Every structure is written in C-alpha cells, then in structure tokens.
Amino acid sequence: MSDLYPENGGPLPGGADYGYGTNRPVQADIPAQAPPQNTGRGGLATGALAVLGVVLKFKGLTLTVVSTGVTALLYAQLFGWAFGVGIVLLILVHESGHLVVARMMGMPVTLPVLIPFLGAFVSMKQAPKTVAQESLMAVGGPVLGSLAAGLCYAGALLMPNTSTGHLLRALAYFGFLINLFNLVPVTPLDGGRVLSLLSKWFNVAGLVVAAGLLLFGNFQSPILFLVLIFGAFSTFQRFRSTTLNPAYYAVDARTKVIVGAIYLGLLLGLGLGLIDTSSILKTTG
C-alpha cells in the first residue's frame, strides 16, 4: 500500500498532521478541549463494580452484616431500638461461642448468619470427625451466651430502679431463656448435640420434652414445631449412625464427665437466672 502522506512532506489537504517522516511533533489536528463533565454514570458504575468486588471477596462477612442489620431493624420495629439491638447482640454472642470453639479445634466454619424470628446458625464446612468435636462445638454457644446474659443481669443489679437497669433485666431474661431452650436435648438444638456424646437416648427424651412444651406449656411457637419435625428425623439418624459408624461415638470417660458437668452447670445457672429475672420483671412490670 502507498503511504497516505508523502515522505518529508506536509499532510494531504484536510488530513491530520501526525508528523510522518518529518521533524514536527506528533499531535493530532484536533482542537484542545476540556474533558467531558458528565461523569456521573461512569463514577456510579465504577463504584458499583468496586462494591460488587468487595461483596464477592468477603461474601461471608457481607452475609453476616446484612442478615444482622435486617434482623436488628425488624426487632427494633417490634420491641424498640435498645431491646431489639440487644437481642441481636445476645444471639450473635451465642453463635460466636460455636465459632470460637470450632476454630480452636481447627474446624472451618462460617461467620454467624441471622434469620429473623428463627434464630441464627454457624455453618460447618466439613463434618465433625467425632461426636466429641460435635458436642464441644455445640456447648460453646450456650457457655458464651450464658456469660453474656449473666453480664446483663449483673449490670441490672448495679443499676436498680433505672431505665437502663430495667432494659438489662429484660435482656438478661431473654438471654437466660434462649440459652436454656437451646439446651433441650434434641439434635437440632445445642442440647441434643451435647448430650449425644453421652447417649443417643437423650434425643428421645428431648423429643418428649419438646412435645410437652408445645402441648402443655406456654412456649407455643412455630420454632418448637420445627424442632419436633427435624428432631424426629435427626433422632432416627442418630440411632442409624451409631450402627453404621460406631467409631464416631467412641468417647473416653473423662470427656464425658467434663461435658456432662458443663451441661448440668448451665442448666442450673440458667434455670436460677430465669426464675430470678422473671420474678423481677413481674414486680417491675
């Protein structure tokens, strides 16, 4: 092909001077003008892509933050901001107990995810190798959750006859209640996973307790109905797995004594705390 511009010559009429074969500076024959000012859409698109990148990179944290925010907003609309946010924090502390124990044992788990009106969960990325691992991870939630409820109770005692004290009493009552409920020994709840270390028959007892609460107690809730449904299935699986994989349930006596003592201690402490805070709420209500 022939060149568009003659060598060492000027540009063709109407052409742009790119300095081909000359000592002139390389520049386009375009008048200088300010950059376009309407960059709003481009900036928004760039920002959206950046946010999307962060979400994809930290999707576990994002899910925790979003679920926590939505749950707190819903609870705040029902119970007020102070109590609603307090409920969410107590739930997060409970779930963090599972997370801390699992990480200490080297088990990969996700960050807590809250489900409004149903509770929260920490998802395991791999199954426990033994029932001891499962039990210890399960008991971590009630232990840390009970400590948080106890701190609320202590704060209420230090600030009697104040609005903050009344709030802390109510949060302590809620904390004692949810952690005690979670100790019902049926596998969807923490108590079932804890006591499966001692005997699979505790899950049968837990089903009876849950059914009694649903039929005759004041704790009639859709959550309890779901516990019964999933509890029946999980109890069947427990009996089946002890036959198929007996090594999973092989636990030394020392571990059984330690876990059993922790469970009984939690039952006693939470029960006394629940009785005391409920009587205080009645007298101040």
C-alpha atoms as a PDB file:
ATOM      1  CA  MET A   1       0.000   0.000   0.000  1.00  0.00           C
ATOM      2  CA  SER A   2       1.130   3.544  -0.677  1.00  0.00           C
ATOM      3  CA  ASP A   3       1.568   5.919   2.229  1.00  0.00           C
ATOM      4  CA  LEU A   4      -1.160   8.408   2.938  1.00  0.00           C
ATOM      5  CA  TYR A   5       1.341  11.176   3.453  1.00  0.00           C
ATOM      6  CA  PRO A   6       4.303  11.907   1.186  1.00  0.00           C
ATOM      7  CA  GLU A   7       7.613  11.347   2.945  1.00  0.00           C
ATOM      8  CA  ASN A   8       9.142  14.558   4.367  1.00  0.00           C
ATOM      9  CA  GLY A   9       6.174  16.466   3.102  1.00  0.00           C
ATOM     10  CA  GLY A  10       3.082  18.078   4.537  1.00  0.00           C
ATOM     11  CA  PRO A  11      -0.194  16.417   5.120  1.00  0.00           C
ATOM     12  CA  LEU A  12      -2.714  15.943   2.439  1.00  0.00           C
ATOM     13  CA  PRO A  13      -5.329  18.657   2.251  1.00  0.00           C
ATOM     14  CA  GLY A  14      -7.792  18.219   5.059  1.00  0.00           C
ATOM     15  CA  GLY A  15      -5.701  15.483   6.668  1.00  0.00           C
ATOM     16  CA  ALA A  16      -4.271  15.315  10.134  1.00  0.00           C
ATOM     17  CA  ASP A  17      -0.578  16.013  10.665  1.00  0.00           C
ATOM     18  CA  TYR A  18       0.920  13.024  12.577  1.00  0.00           C
ATOM     19  CA  GLY A  19       4.441  14.033  11.631  1.00  0.00           C
ATOM     20  CA  TYR A  20       5.166  11.063   9.413  1.00  0.00           C
ATOM     21  CA  GLY A  21       8.676  11.412   8.046  1.00  0.00           C
ATOM     22  CA  THR A  22       9.106  14.924   9.470  1.00  0.00           C
ATOM     23  CA  ASN A  23      10.641  16.533  12.500  1.00  0.00           C
ATOM     24  CA  ARG A  24       7.355  18.050  13.598  1.00  0.00           C
ATOM     25  CA  PRO A  25       5.883  16.992  16.957  1.00  0.00           C
ATOM     26  CA  VAL A  26       3.447  14.133  16.911  1.00  0.00           C
ATOM     27  CA  GLN A  27      -0.004  15.530  17.509  1.00  0.00           C
ATOM     28  CA  ALA A  28      -3.466  15.191  16.114  1.00  0.00           C
ATOM     29  CA  ASP A  29      -5.083  18.014  14.275  1.00  0.00           C
ATOM     30  CA  ILE A  30      -7.869  18.205  16.905  1.00  0.00           C
ATOM     31  CA  PRO A  31      -8.637  21.399  18.802  1.00  0.00           C
ATOM     32  CA  ALA A  32      -7.815  21.247  22.528  1.00  0.00           C
ATOM     33  CA  GLN A  33     -10.944  20.933  24.689  1.00  0.00           C
ATOM     34  CA  ALA A  34     -11.839  20.278  28.269  1.00  0.00           C
ATOM     35  CA  PRO A  35     -12.698  16.675  29.253  1.00  0.00           C
ATOM     36  CA  PRO A  36     -16.397  15.889  29.366  1.00  0.00           C
ATOM     37  CA  GLN A  37     -18.019  16.983  32.629  1.00  0.00           C
ATOM     38  CA  ASN A  38     -20.817  14.415  32.710  1.00  0.00           C
ATOM     39  CA  THR A  39     -19.002  11.579  34.527  1.00  0.00           C
ATOM     40  CA  GLY A  40     -21.782  10.738  36.936  1.00  0.00           C
ATOM     41  CA  ARG A  41     -22.803   7.496  35.278  1.00  0.00           C
ATOM     42  CA  GLY A  42     -19.225   6.349  34.875  1.00  0.00           C
ATOM     43  CA  GLY A  43     -18.484   7.089  38.514  1.00  0.00           C
ATOM     44  CA  LEU A  44     -21.557   5.226  39.670  1.00  0.00           C
ATOM     45  CA  ALA A  45     -20.692   2.236  37.524  1.00  0.00           C
ATOM     46  CA  THR A  46     -17.117   2.199  38.846  1.00  0.00           C
ATOM     47  CA  GLY A  47     -18.359   2.438  42.416  1.00  0.00           C
ATOM     48  CA  ALA A  48     -20.883  -0.325  41.861  1.00  0.00           C
ATOM     49  CA  LEU A  49     -18.187  -2.597  40.434  1.00  0.00           C
ATOM     50  CA  ALA A  50     -15.929  -1.848  43.385  1.00  0.00           C
ATOM     51  CA  VAL A  51     -18.710  -2.665  45.856  1.00  0.00           C
ATOM     52  CA  LEU A  52     -19.505  -5.865  43.953  1.00  0.00           C
ATOM     53  CA  GLY A  53     -15.858  -6.882  44.114  1.00  0.00           C
ATOM     54  CA  VAL A  54     -15.767  -6.386  47.879  1.00  0.00           C
ATOM     55  CA  VAL A  55     -19.025  -8.343  48.287  1.00  0.00           C
ATOM     56  CA  LEU A  56     -17.685 -11.277  46.270  1.00  0.00           C
ATOM     57  CA  LYS A  57     -14.365 -11.262  48.093  1.00  0.00           C
ATOM     58  CA  PHE A  58     -15.914 -11.055  51.562  1.00  0.00           C
ATOM     59  CA  LYS A  59     -19.270 -12.682  50.885  1.00  0.00           C
ATOM     60  CA  GLY A  60     -19.313 -14.433  54.282  1.00  0.00           C
ATOM     61  CA  LEU A  61     -18.841 -11.168  56.152  1.00  0.00           C
ATOM     62  CA  THR A  62     -21.332  -9.418  53.871  1.00  0.00           C
ATOM     63  CA  LEU A  63     -23.995 -12.035  54.557  1.00  0.00           C
ATOM     64  CA  THR A  64     -23.426 -11.686  58.291  1.00  0.00           C
ATOM     65  CA  VAL A  65     -23.628  -7.896  58.194  1.00  0.00           C
ATOM     66  CA  VAL A  66     -26.736  -7.833  56.005  1.00  0.00           C
ATOM     67  CA  SER A  67     -28.596 -10.518  57.977  1.00  0.00           C
ATOM     68  CA  THR A  68     -27.665  -8.811  61.254  1.00  0.00           C
ATOM     69  CA  GLY A  69     -28.845  -5.427  60.023  1.00  0.00           C
ATOM     70  CA  VAL A  70     -32.146  -6.740  58.694  1.00  0.00           C
ATOM     71  CA  THR A  71     -32.832  -8.702  61.889  1.00  0.00           C
ATOM     72  CA  ALA A  72     -31.978  -5.727  64.094  1.00  0.00           C
ATOM     73  CA  LEU A  73     -34.263  -3.485  62.056  1.00  0.00           C
ATOM     74  CA  LEU A  74     -37.196  -5.892  62.316  1.00  0.00           C
ATOM     75  CA  TYR A  75     -36.716  -6.458  66.050  1.00  0.00           C
ATOM     76  CA  ALA A  76     -36.351  -2.732  66.634  1.00  0.00           C
ATOM     77  CA  GLN A  77     -39.706  -2.116  64.976  1.00  0.00           C
ATOM     78  CA  LEU A  78     -41.333  -4.639  67.316  1.00  0.00           C
ATOM     79  CA  PHE A  79     -39.506  -4.041  70.601  1.00  0.00           C
ATOM     80  CA  GLY A  80     -37.791  -0.672  70.264  1.00  0.00           C
ATOM     81  CA  TRP A  81     -34.222   0.033  69.241  1.00  0.00           C
ATOM     82  CA  ALA A  82     -32.494  -0.640  72.555  1.00  0.00           C
ATOM     83  CA  PHE A  83     -34.094  -4.012  73.242  1.00  0.00           C
ATOM     84  CA  GLY A  84     -34.111  -5.059  69.564  1.00  0.00           C
ATOM     85  CA  VAL A  85     -30.401  -4.407  69.114  1.00  0.00           C
ATOM     86  CA  GLY A  86     -29.701  -6.042  72.483  1.00  0.00           C
ATOM     87  CA  ILE A  87     -31.486  -9.216  71.368  1.00  0.00           C
ATOM     88  CA  VAL A  88     -29.408  -9.348  68.199  1.00  0.00           C
ATOM     89  CA  LEU A  89     -26.167  -8.878  70.130  1.00  0.00           C
ATOM     90  CA  LEU A  90     -27.046 -11.690  72.555  1.00  0.00           C
ATOM     91  CA  ILE A  91     -27.782 -14.008  69.634  1.00  0.00           C
ATOM     92  CA  LEU A  92     -24.501 -13.081  67.953  1.00  0.00           C
ATOM     93  CA  VAL A  93     -22.568 -13.751  71.158  1.00  0.00           C
ATOM     94  CA  HIS A  94     -24.189 -17.177  71.438  1.00  0.00           C
ATOM     95  CA  GLU A  95     -23.296 -18.055  67.856  1.00  0.00           C
ATOM     96  CA  SER A  96     -19.782 -16.697  68.328  1.00  0.00           C
ATOM     97  CA  GLY A  97     -19.320 -19.319  71.051  1.00  0.00           C
ATOM     98  CA  HIS A  98     -19.779 -22.045  68.444  1.00  0.00           C
ATOM     99  CA  LEU A  99     -17.404 -20.228  66.106  1.00  0.00           C
ATOM    100  CA  VAL A 100     -14.640 -19.777  68.689  1.00  0.00           C
ATOM    101  CA  VAL A 101     -14.662 -23.405  69.839  1.00  0.00           C
ATOM    102  CA  ALA A 102     -14.752 -24.693  66.262  1.00  0.00           C
ATOM    103  CA  ARG A 103     -11.806 -22.526  65.255  1.00  0.00           C
ATOM    104  CA  MET A 104      -9.879 -23.642  68.348  1.00  0.00           C
ATOM    105  CA  MET A 105     -10.332 -27.256  67.229  1.00  0.00           C
ATOM    106  CA  GLY A 106      -9.277 -26.389  63.684  1.00  0.00           C
ATOM    107  CA  MET A 107     -12.740 -26.888  62.190  1.00  0.00           C
ATOM    108  CA  PRO A 108     -13.583 -24.475  59.332  1.00  0.00           C
ATOM    109  CA  VAL A 109     -16.913 -22.751  59.935  1.00  0.00           C
ATOM    110  CA  THR A 110     -18.664 -19.724  58.500  1.00  0.00           C
ATOM    111  CA  LEU A 111     -19.463 -16.489  60.274  1.00  0.00           C
ATOM    112  CA  PRO A 112     -22.862 -16.358  62.014  1.00  0.00           C
ATOM    113  CA  VAL A 113     -25.928 -15.723  59.866  1.00  0.00           C
ATOM    114  CA  LEU A 114     -29.134 -14.478  61.488  1.00  0.00           C
ATOM    115  CA  ILE A 115     -32.620 -15.490  60.369  1.00  0.00           C
ATOM    116  CA  PRO A 116     -35.312 -13.147  61.722  1.00  0.00           C
ATOM    117  CA  PHE A 117     -37.721 -14.835  64.172  1.00  0.00           C
ATOM    118  CA  LEU A 118     -35.967 -18.197  63.747  1.00  0.00           C
ATOM    119  CA  GLY A 119     -32.561 -17.603  65.279  1.00  0.00           C
ATOM    120  CA  ALA A 120     -29.116 -17.932  63.729  1.00  0.00           C
ATOM    121  CA  PHE A 121     -26.626 -20.534  62.621  1.00  0.00           C
ATOM    122  CA  VAL A 122     -22.946 -21.164  62.029  1.00  0.00           C
ATOM    123  CA  SER A 123     -22.376 -23.489  59.095  1.00  0.00           C
ATOM    124  CA  MET A 124     -19.645 -26.134  59.220  1.00  0.00           C
ATOM    125  CA  LYS A 125     -17.587 -26.512  56.056  1.00  0.00           C
ATOM    126  CA  GLN A 126     -16.746 -30.083  56.982  1.00  0.00           C
ATOM    127  CA  ALA A 127     -18.436 -32.624  59.230  1.00  0.00           C
ATOM    128  CA  PRO A 128     -17.005 -33.247  62.719  1.00  0.00           C
ATOM    129  CA  LYS A 129     -14.765 -36.262  62.922  1.00  0.00           C
ATOM    130  CA  THR A 130     -16.123 -37.432  66.285  1.00  0.00           C
ATOM    131  CA  VAL A 131     -19.152 -36.802  68.460  1.00  0.00           C
ATOM    132  CA  ALA A 132     -16.767 -35.173  70.945  1.00  0.00           C
ATOM    133  CA  GLN A 133     -15.945 -32.449  68.427  1.00  0.00           C
ATOM    134  CA  GLU A 134     -19.630 -32.001  67.665  1.00  0.00           C
ATOM    135  CA  SER A 135     -20.502 -31.821  71.359  1.00  0.00           C
ATOM    136  CA  LEU A 136     -17.780 -29.343  72.307  1.00  0.00           C
ATOM    137  CA  MET A 137     -18.646 -27.049  69.423  1.00  0.00           C
ATOM    138  CA  ALA A 138     -22.323 -27.185  70.406  1.00  0.00           C
ATOM    139  CA  VAL A 139     -21.757 -26.391  74.075  1.00  0.00           C
ATOM    140  CA  GLY A 140     -19.620 -23.353  73.201  1.00  0.00           C
ATOM    141  CA  GLY A 141     -22.708 -21.377  72.199  1.00  0.00           C
ATOM    142  CA  PRO A 142     -24.642 -21.745  75.481  1.00  0.00           C
ATOM    143  CA  VAL A 143     -21.487 -21.151  77.526  1.00  0.00           C
ATOM    144  CA  LEU A 144     -20.692 -17.805  75.890  1.00  0.00           C
ATOM    145  CA  GLY A 145     -24.364 -16.892  75.584  1.00  0.00           C
ATOM    146  CA  SER A 146     -24.936 -17.587  79.277  1.00  0.00           C
ATOM    147  CA  LEU A 147     -21.975 -15.408  80.205  1.00  0.00           C
ATOM    148  CA  ALA A 148     -23.429 -12.553  78.150  1.00  0.00           C
ATOM    149  CA  ALA A 149     -26.827 -12.937  79.845  1.00  0.00           C
ATOM    150  CA  GLY A 150     -25.078 -13.024  83.220  1.00  0.00           C
ATOM    151  CA  LEU A 151     -23.309  -9.764  82.446  1.00  0.00           C
ATOM    152  CA  CYS A 152     -26.663  -8.169  81.606  1.00  0.00           C
ATOM    153  CA  TYR A 153     -28.025  -9.439  84.929  1.00  0.00           C
ATOM    154  CA  ALA A 154     -25.032  -8.080  86.843  1.00  0.00           C
ATOM    155  CA  GLY A 155     -25.481  -4.707  85.157  1.00  0.00           C
ATOM    156  CA  ALA A 156     -29.148  -4.686  86.139  1.00  0.00           C
ATOM    157  CA  LEU A 157     -28.221  -5.318  89.775  1.00  0.00           C
ATOM    158  CA  LEU A 158     -25.731  -2.452  89.703  1.00  0.00           C
ATOM    159  CA  MET A 159     -28.317  -0.026  88.307  1.00  0.00           C
ATOM    160  CA  PRO A 160     -31.596  -0.806  90.078  1.00  0.00           C
ATOM    161  CA  ASN A 161     -34.663   1.377  89.554  1.00  0.00           C
ATOM    162  CA  THR A 162     -33.259   2.933  86.383  1.00  0.00           C
ATOM    163  CA  SER A 163     -34.365   2.636  82.775  1.00  0.00           C
ATOM    164  CA  THR A 164     -31.017   1.089  81.854  1.00  0.00           C
ATOM    165  CA  GLY A 165     -31.367  -1.399  84.692  1.00  0.00           C
ATOM    166  CA  HIS A 166     -34.848  -2.423  83.548  1.00  0.00           C
ATOM    167  CA  LEU A 167     -33.541  -2.859  79.998  1.00  0.00           C
ATOM    168  CA  LEU A 168     -30.664  -5.042  81.190  1.00  0.00           C
ATOM    169  CA  ARG A 169     -33.046  -7.155  83.295  1.00  0.00           C
ATOM    170  CA  ALA A 170     -35.216  -7.785  80.244  1.00  0.00           C
ATOM    171  CA  LEU A 171     -32.168  -8.668  78.129  1.00  0.00           C
ATOM    172  CA  ALA A 172     -30.878 -10.982  80.870  1.00  0.00           C
ATOM    173  CA  TYR A 173     -34.246 -12.749  80.964  1.00  0.00           C
ATOM    174  CA  PHE A 174     -34.176 -13.165  77.177  1.00  0.00           C
ATOM    175  CA  GLY A 175     -30.578 -14.440  77.279  1.00  0.00           C
ATOM    176  CA  PHE A 176     -31.326 -16.973  80.009  1.00  0.00           C
ATOM    177  CA  LEU A 177     -34.435 -18.130  78.150  1.00  0.00           C
ATOM    178  CA  ILE A 178     -32.934 -18.713  74.709  1.00  0.00           C
ATOM    179  CA  ASN A 179     -29.832 -20.427  76.055  1.00  0.00           C
ATOM    180  CA  LEU A 180     -31.899 -22.681  78.310  1.00  0.00           C
ATOM    181  CA  PHE A 181     -34.229 -23.530  75.436  1.00  0.00           C
ATOM    182  CA  ASN A 182     -31.211 -24.421  73.299  1.00  0.00           C
ATOM    183  CA  LEU A 183     -30.190 -26.988  75.903  1.00  0.00           C
ATOM    184  CA  VAL A 184     -33.299 -29.118  75.286  1.00  0.00           C
ATOM    185  CA  PRO A 185     -31.612 -32.409  74.311  1.00  0.00           C
ATOM    186  CA  VAL A 186     -32.852 -32.852  70.762  1.00  0.00           C
ATOM    187  CA  THR A 187     -30.319 -32.616  67.963  1.00  0.00           C
ATOM    188  CA  PRO A 188     -31.478 -29.542  66.035  1.00  0.00           C
ATOM    189  CA  LEU A 189     -30.794 -27.666  69.279  1.00  0.00           C
ATOM    190  CA  ASP A 190     -27.441 -27.466  71.031  1.00  0.00           C
ATOM    191  CA  GLY A 191     -28.528 -29.747  73.864  1.00  0.00           C
ATOM    192  CA  GLY A 192     -29.112 -32.672  71.526  1.00  0.00           C
ATOM    193  CA  ARG A 193     -25.631 -32.364  70.060  1.00  0.00           C
ATOM    194  CA  VAL A 194     -24.082 -32.007  73.508  1.00  0.00           C
ATOM    195  CA  LEU A 195     -25.789 -34.981  75.144  1.00  0.00           C
ATOM    196  CA  SER A 196     -25.403 -37.246  72.117  1.00  0.00           C
ATOM    197  CA  LEU A 197     -21.888 -37.648  73.460  1.00  0.00           C
ATOM    198  CA  LEU A 198     -23.379 -39.404  76.499  1.00  0.00           C
ATOM    199  CA  SER A 199     -26.201 -41.360  74.877  1.00  0.00           C
ATOM    200  CA  LYS A 200     -28.383 -41.195  71.785  1.00  0.00           C
ATOM    201  CA  TRP A 201     -31.388 -41.829  74.049  1.00  0.00           C
ATOM    202  CA  PHE A 202     -31.202 -38.257  75.318  1.00  0.00           C
ATOM    203  CA  ASN A 203     -32.592 -37.231  71.924  1.00  0.00           C
ATOM    204  CA  VAL A 204     -35.676 -39.333  72.578  1.00  0.00           C
ATOM    205  CA  ALA A 205     -36.090 -37.605  75.953  1.00  0.00           C
ATOM    206  CA  GLY A 206     -35.654 -34.272  74.205  1.00  0.00           C
ATOM    207  CA  LEU A 207     -38.481 -35.053  71.794  1.00  0.00           C
ATOM    208  CA  VAL A 208     -40.743 -35.790  74.753  1.00  0.00           C
ATOM    209  CA  VAL A 209     -39.764 -32.502  76.420  1.00  0.00           C
ATOM    210  CA  ALA A 210     -40.329 -30.511  73.238  1.00  0.00           C
ATOM    211  CA  ALA A 211     -43.706 -32.160  72.665  1.00  0.00           C
ATOM    212  CA  GLY A 212     -44.691 -31.401  76.257  1.00  0.00           C
ATOM    213  CA  LEU A 213     -43.735 -27.748  75.896  1.00  0.00           C
ATOM    214  CA  LEU A 214     -45.724 -27.494  72.690  1.00  0.00           C
ATOM    215  CA  LEU A 215     -48.843 -29.196  74.035  1.00  0.00           C
ATOM    216  CA  PHE A 216     -48.958 -28.119  77.671  1.00  0.00           C
ATOM    217  CA  GLY A 217     -46.506 -25.251  78.146  1.00  0.00           C
ATOM    218  CA  ASN A 218     -46.667 -21.533  77.475  1.00  0.00           C
ATOM    219  CA  PHE A 219     -43.926 -21.788  74.871  1.00  0.00           C
ATOM    220  CA  GLN A 220     -46.138 -22.496  71.867  1.00  0.00           C
ATOM    221  CA  SER A 221     -44.129 -21.376  68.887  1.00  0.00           C
ATOM    222  CA  PRO A 222     -43.638 -22.385  65.239  1.00  0.00           C
ATOM    223  CA  ILE A 223     -39.962 -22.811  66.106  1.00  0.00           C
ATOM    224  CA  LEU A 224     -40.832 -25.578  68.554  1.00  0.00           C
ATOM    225  CA  PHE A 225     -42.946 -27.284  65.910  1.00  0.00           C
ATOM    226  CA  LEU A 226     -39.986 -27.220  63.507  1.00  0.00           C
ATOM    227  CA  VAL A 227     -37.743 -28.593  66.257  1.00  0.00           C
ATOM    228  CA  LEU A 228     -40.083 -31.567  66.653  1.00  0.00           C
ATOM    229  CA  ILE A 229     -40.136 -32.292  62.927  1.00  0.00           C
ATOM    230  CA  PHE A 230     -36.387 -32.064  62.384  1.00  0.00           C
ATOM    231  CA  GLY A 231     -35.741 -33.627  65.782  1.00  0.00           C
ATOM    232  CA  ALA A 232     -37.640 -36.773  64.889  1.00  0.00           C
ATOM    233  CA  PHE A 233     -35.622 -37.163  61.693  1.00  0.00           C
ATOM    234  CA  SER A 234     -32.279 -36.405  63.356  1.00  0.00           C
ATOM    235  CA  THR A 235     -33.017 -38.823  66.211  1.00  0.00           C
ATOM    236  CA  PHE A 236     -33.658 -41.581  63.693  1.00  0.00           C
ATOM    237  CA  GLN A 237     -30.354 -40.694  62.029  1.00  0.00           C
ATOM    238  CA  ARG A 238     -28.573 -40.882  65.386  1.00  0.00           C
ATOM    239  CA  PHE A 239     -29.732 -44.420  66.017  1.00  0.00           C
ATOM    240  CA  ARG A 240     -28.857 -45.401  62.465  1.00  0.00           C
ATOM    241  CA  SER A 241     -25.385 -43.819  62.536  1.00  0.00           C
ATOM    242  CA  THR A 242     -24.396 -45.484  65.814  1.00  0.00           C
ATOM    243  CA  THR A 243     -24.775 -48.794  64.000  1.00  0.00           C
ATOM    244  CA  LEU A 244     -23.137 -47.731  60.738  1.00  0.00           C
ATOM    245  CA  ASN A 245     -20.307 -45.695  62.261  1.00  0.00           C
ATOM    246  CA  PRO A 246     -19.719 -46.706  65.896  1.00  0.00           C
ATOM    247  CA  ALA A 247     -16.217 -45.174  65.883  1.00  0.00           C
ATOM    248  CA  TYR A 248     -17.793 -41.700  65.627  1.00  0.00           C
ATOM    249  CA  TYR A 249     -19.371 -42.189  69.073  1.00  0.00           C
ATOM    250  CA  ALA A 250     -16.261 -43.595  70.783  1.00  0.00           C
ATOM    251  CA  VAL A 251     -15.556 -41.135  73.625  1.00  0.00           C
ATOM    252  CA  ASP A 252     -13.343 -41.520  76.682  1.00  0.00           C
ATOM    253  CA  ALA A 253     -14.880 -41.321  80.153  1.00  0.00           C
ATOM    254  CA  ARG A 254     -13.030 -38.117  81.104  1.00  0.00           C
ATOM    255  CA  THR A 255     -14.535 -36.169  78.194  1.00  0.00           C
ATOM    256  CA  LYS A 256     -17.991 -37.440  79.090  1.00  0.00           C
ATOM    257  CA  VAL A 257     -17.613 -36.283  82.695  1.00  0.00           C
ATOM    258  CA  ILE A 258     -16.379 -32.816  81.677  1.00  0.00           C
ATOM    259  CA  VAL A 259     -19.100 -32.216  79.084  1.00  0.00           C
ATOM    260  CA  GLY A 260     -21.795 -33.619  81.370  1.00  0.00           C
ATOM    261  CA  ALA A 261     -20.675 -31.336  84.221  1.00  0.00           C
ATOM    262  CA  ILE A 262     -20.717 -28.285  81.924  1.00  0.00           C
ATOM    263  CA  TYR A 263     -24.218 -29.163  80.744  1.00  0.00           C
ATOM    264  CA  LEU A 264     -25.575 -29.601  84.279  1.00  0.00           C
ATOM    265  CA  GLY A 265     -23.905 -26.381  85.400  1.00  0.00           C
ATOM    266  CA  LEU A 266     -25.512 -24.486  82.533  1.00  0.00           C
ATOM    267  CA  LEU A 267     -28.931 -25.961  83.320  1.00  0.00           C
ATOM    268  CA  LEU A 268     -28.669 -24.941  86.970  1.00  0.00           C
ATOM    269  CA  GLY A 269     -27.322 -21.440  86.349  1.00  0.00           C
ATOM    270  CA  LEU A 270     -29.723 -20.615  83.529  1.00  0.00           C
ATOM    271  CA  GLY A 271     -32.694 -22.000  85.423  1.00  0.00           C
ATOM    272  CA  LEU A 272     -31.950 -19.912  88.509  1.00  0.00           C
ATOM    273  CA  GLY A 273     -31.298 -16.834  86.386  1.00  0.00           C
ATOM    274  CA  LEU A 274     -34.547 -17.285  84.503  1.00  0.00           C
ATOM    275  CA  ILE A 275     -36.574 -17.674  87.712  1.00  0.00           C
ATOM    276  CA  ASP A 276     -34.985 -14.632  89.303  1.00  0.00           C
ATOM    277  CA  THR A 277     -35.286 -12.301  86.310  1.00  0.00           C
ATOM    278  CA  SER A 278     -38.864 -13.388  85.601  1.00  0.00           C
ATOM    279  CA  SER A 279     -39.897 -12.531  89.171  1.00  0.00           C
ATOM    280  CA  ILE A 280     -38.169  -9.150  88.889  1.00  0.00           C
ATOM    281  CA  LEU A 281     -39.946  -8.426  85.608  1.00  0.00           C
ATOM    282  CA  LYS A 282     -43.294  -9.246  87.207  1.00  0.00           C
ATOM    283  CA  THR A 283     -42.707  -6.867  90.108  1.00  0.00           C
ATOM    284  CA  THR A 284     -41.487  -4.066  87.856  1.00  0.00           C
ATOM    285  CA  GLY A 285     -43.969  -4.622  85.015  1.00  0.00           C
END
